[in-house]
């Protein structure tokens, strides 16, 4: 794993936690975690996990 892959992985983990525990908008979460736009976060998140950030949030809300 390269350093940039590690950083992206860490940022995505932080975002997953934030999606579950806060009601912040995706735009707020993206900016706070170093993504220039929520669209780019959407792309990276879906590529990594196979679901969009909002699908992930809704799924986790149903479980909790």
C-alpha atoms as a PDB file:
ATOM      1  CA  UNK A   1       0.000   0.000   0.000  1.00  0.00           C
ATOM      2  CA  UNK A   2       1.407   3.359  -0.986  1.00  0.00           C
ATOM      3  CA  UNK A   3       1.313   6.361   1.299  1.00  0.00           C
ATOM      4  CA  UNK A   4      -1.392   8.053  -0.791  1.00  0.00           C
ATOM      5  CA  UNK A   5      -3.507   4.877  -0.674  1.00  0.00           C
ATOM      6  CA  UNK A   6      -3.084   4.772   3.099  1.00  0.00           C
ATOM      7  CA  UNK A   7      -4.146   8.410   3.435  1.00  0.00           C
ATOM      8  CA  UNK A   8      -7.203   7.865   1.230  1.00  0.00           C
ATOM      9  CA  UNK A   9      -8.144   4.752   3.186  1.00  0.00           C
ATOM     10  CA  UNK A  10      -7.846   6.627   6.476  1.00  0.00           C
ATOM     11  CA  UNK A  11      -9.908   9.550   5.176  1.00  0.00           C
ATOM     12  CA  UNK A  12     -12.634   7.197   3.963  1.00  0.00           C
ATOM     13  CA  UNK A  13     -12.737   5.456   7.345  1.00  0.00           C
ATOM     14  CA  UNK A  14     -13.181   8.833   9.052  1.00  0.00           C
ATOM     15  CA  UNK A  15     -15.943   9.688   6.597  1.00  0.00           C
ATOM     16  CA  UNK A  16     -17.749   6.398   7.245  1.00  0.00           C
ATOM     17  CA  UNK A  17     -17.753   7.158  10.967  1.00  0.00           C
ATOM     18  CA  UNK A  18     -18.914  10.720  10.347  1.00  0.00           C
ATOM     19  CA  UNK A  19     -21.776   9.555   8.127  1.00  0.00           C
ATOM     20  CA  UNK A  20     -23.087   7.358  10.925  1.00  0.00           C
ATOM     21  CA  UNK A  21     -22.665   9.654  13.918  1.00  0.00           C
ATOM     22  CA  UNK A  22     -23.521  13.077  12.497  1.00  0.00           C
ATOM     23  CA  UNK A  23     -26.225  14.753  10.473  1.00  0.00           C
ATOM     24  CA  UNK A  24     -23.770  16.918   8.550  1.00  0.00           C
ATOM     25  CA  UNK A  25     -24.296  17.266   4.839  1.00  0.00           C
ATOM     26  CA  UNK A  26     -22.115  15.341   2.439  1.00  0.00           C
ATOM     27  CA  UNK A  27     -20.638  18.655   1.283  1.00  0.00           C
ATOM     28  CA  UNK A  28     -19.582  19.514   4.856  1.00  0.00           C
ATOM     29  CA  UNK A  29     -18.097  16.075   5.421  1.00  0.00           C
ATOM     30  CA  UNK A  30     -16.236  16.180   2.108  1.00  0.00           C
ATOM     31  CA  UNK A  31     -14.682  19.571   2.794  1.00  0.00           C
ATOM     32  CA  UNK A  32     -13.749  18.712   6.389  1.00  0.00           C
ATOM     33  CA  UNK A  33     -11.951  15.588   5.189  1.00  0.00           C
ATOM     34  CA  UNK A  34      -9.920  17.134   2.404  1.00  0.00           C
ATOM     35  CA  UNK A  35     -12.089  16.496  -0.639  1.00  0.00           C
ATOM     36  CA  UNK A  36     -12.523  19.447  -2.995  1.00  0.00           C
ATOM     37  CA  UNK A  37     -16.133  18.563  -3.803  1.00  0.00           C
ATOM     38  CA  UNK A  38     -18.817  16.202  -2.602  1.00  0.00           C
ATOM     39  CA  UNK A  39     -19.012  14.809  -6.147  1.00  0.00           C
ATOM     40  CA  UNK A  40     -15.421  13.612  -5.948  1.00  0.00           C
ATOM     41  CA  UNK A  41     -16.052  12.103  -2.503  1.00  0.00           C
ATOM     42  CA  UNK A  42     -19.106  10.350  -3.960  1.00  0.00           C
ATOM     43  CA  UNK A  43     -16.947   8.876  -6.748  1.00  0.00           C
ATOM     44  CA  UNK A  44     -14.131   7.724  -4.442  1.00  0.00           C
ATOM     45  CA  UNK A  45     -16.504   6.328  -1.796  1.00  0.00           C
ATOM     46  CA  UNK A  46     -18.546   4.348  -4.316  1.00  0.00           C
ATOM     47  CA  UNK A  47     -15.390   3.002  -5.943  1.00  0.00           C
ATOM     48  CA  UNK A  48     -14.083   1.853  -2.550  1.00  0.00           C
ATOM     49  CA  UNK A  49     -17.282   0.447  -1.005  1.00  0.00           C
ATOM     50  CA  UNK A  50     -19.710  -0.177  -3.878  1.00  0.00           C
ATOM     51  CA  UNK A  51     -22.365   2.137  -2.441  1.00  0.00           C
ATOM     52  CA  UNK A  52     -22.783   5.892  -2.323  1.00  0.00           C
ATOM     53  CA  UNK A  53     -22.146   7.769   0.917  1.00  0.00           C
ATOM     54  CA  UNK A  54     -25.864   8.424   1.357  1.00  0.00           C
ATOM     55  CA  UNK A  55     -26.756   4.780   0.730  1.00  0.00           C
ATOM     56  CA  UNK A  56     -24.199   3.861   3.389  1.00  0.00           C
ATOM     57  CA  UNK A  57     -25.703   6.375   5.830  1.00  0.00           C
ATOM     58  CA  UNK A  58     -29.256   5.118   5.270  1.00  0.00           C
ATOM     59  CA  UNK A  59     -28.175   1.487   5.603  1.00  0.00           C
ATOM     60  CA  UNK A  60     -26.380   2.147   8.877  1.00  0.00           C
ATOM     61  CA  UNK A  61     -29.343   4.142  10.228  1.00  0.00           C
ATOM     62  CA  UNK A  62     -31.606   1.142   9.606  1.00  0.00           C
ATOM     63  CA  UNK A  63     -29.263  -1.171  11.496  1.00  0.00           C
ATOM     64  CA  UNK A  64     -28.826   1.082  14.510  1.00  0.00           C
END
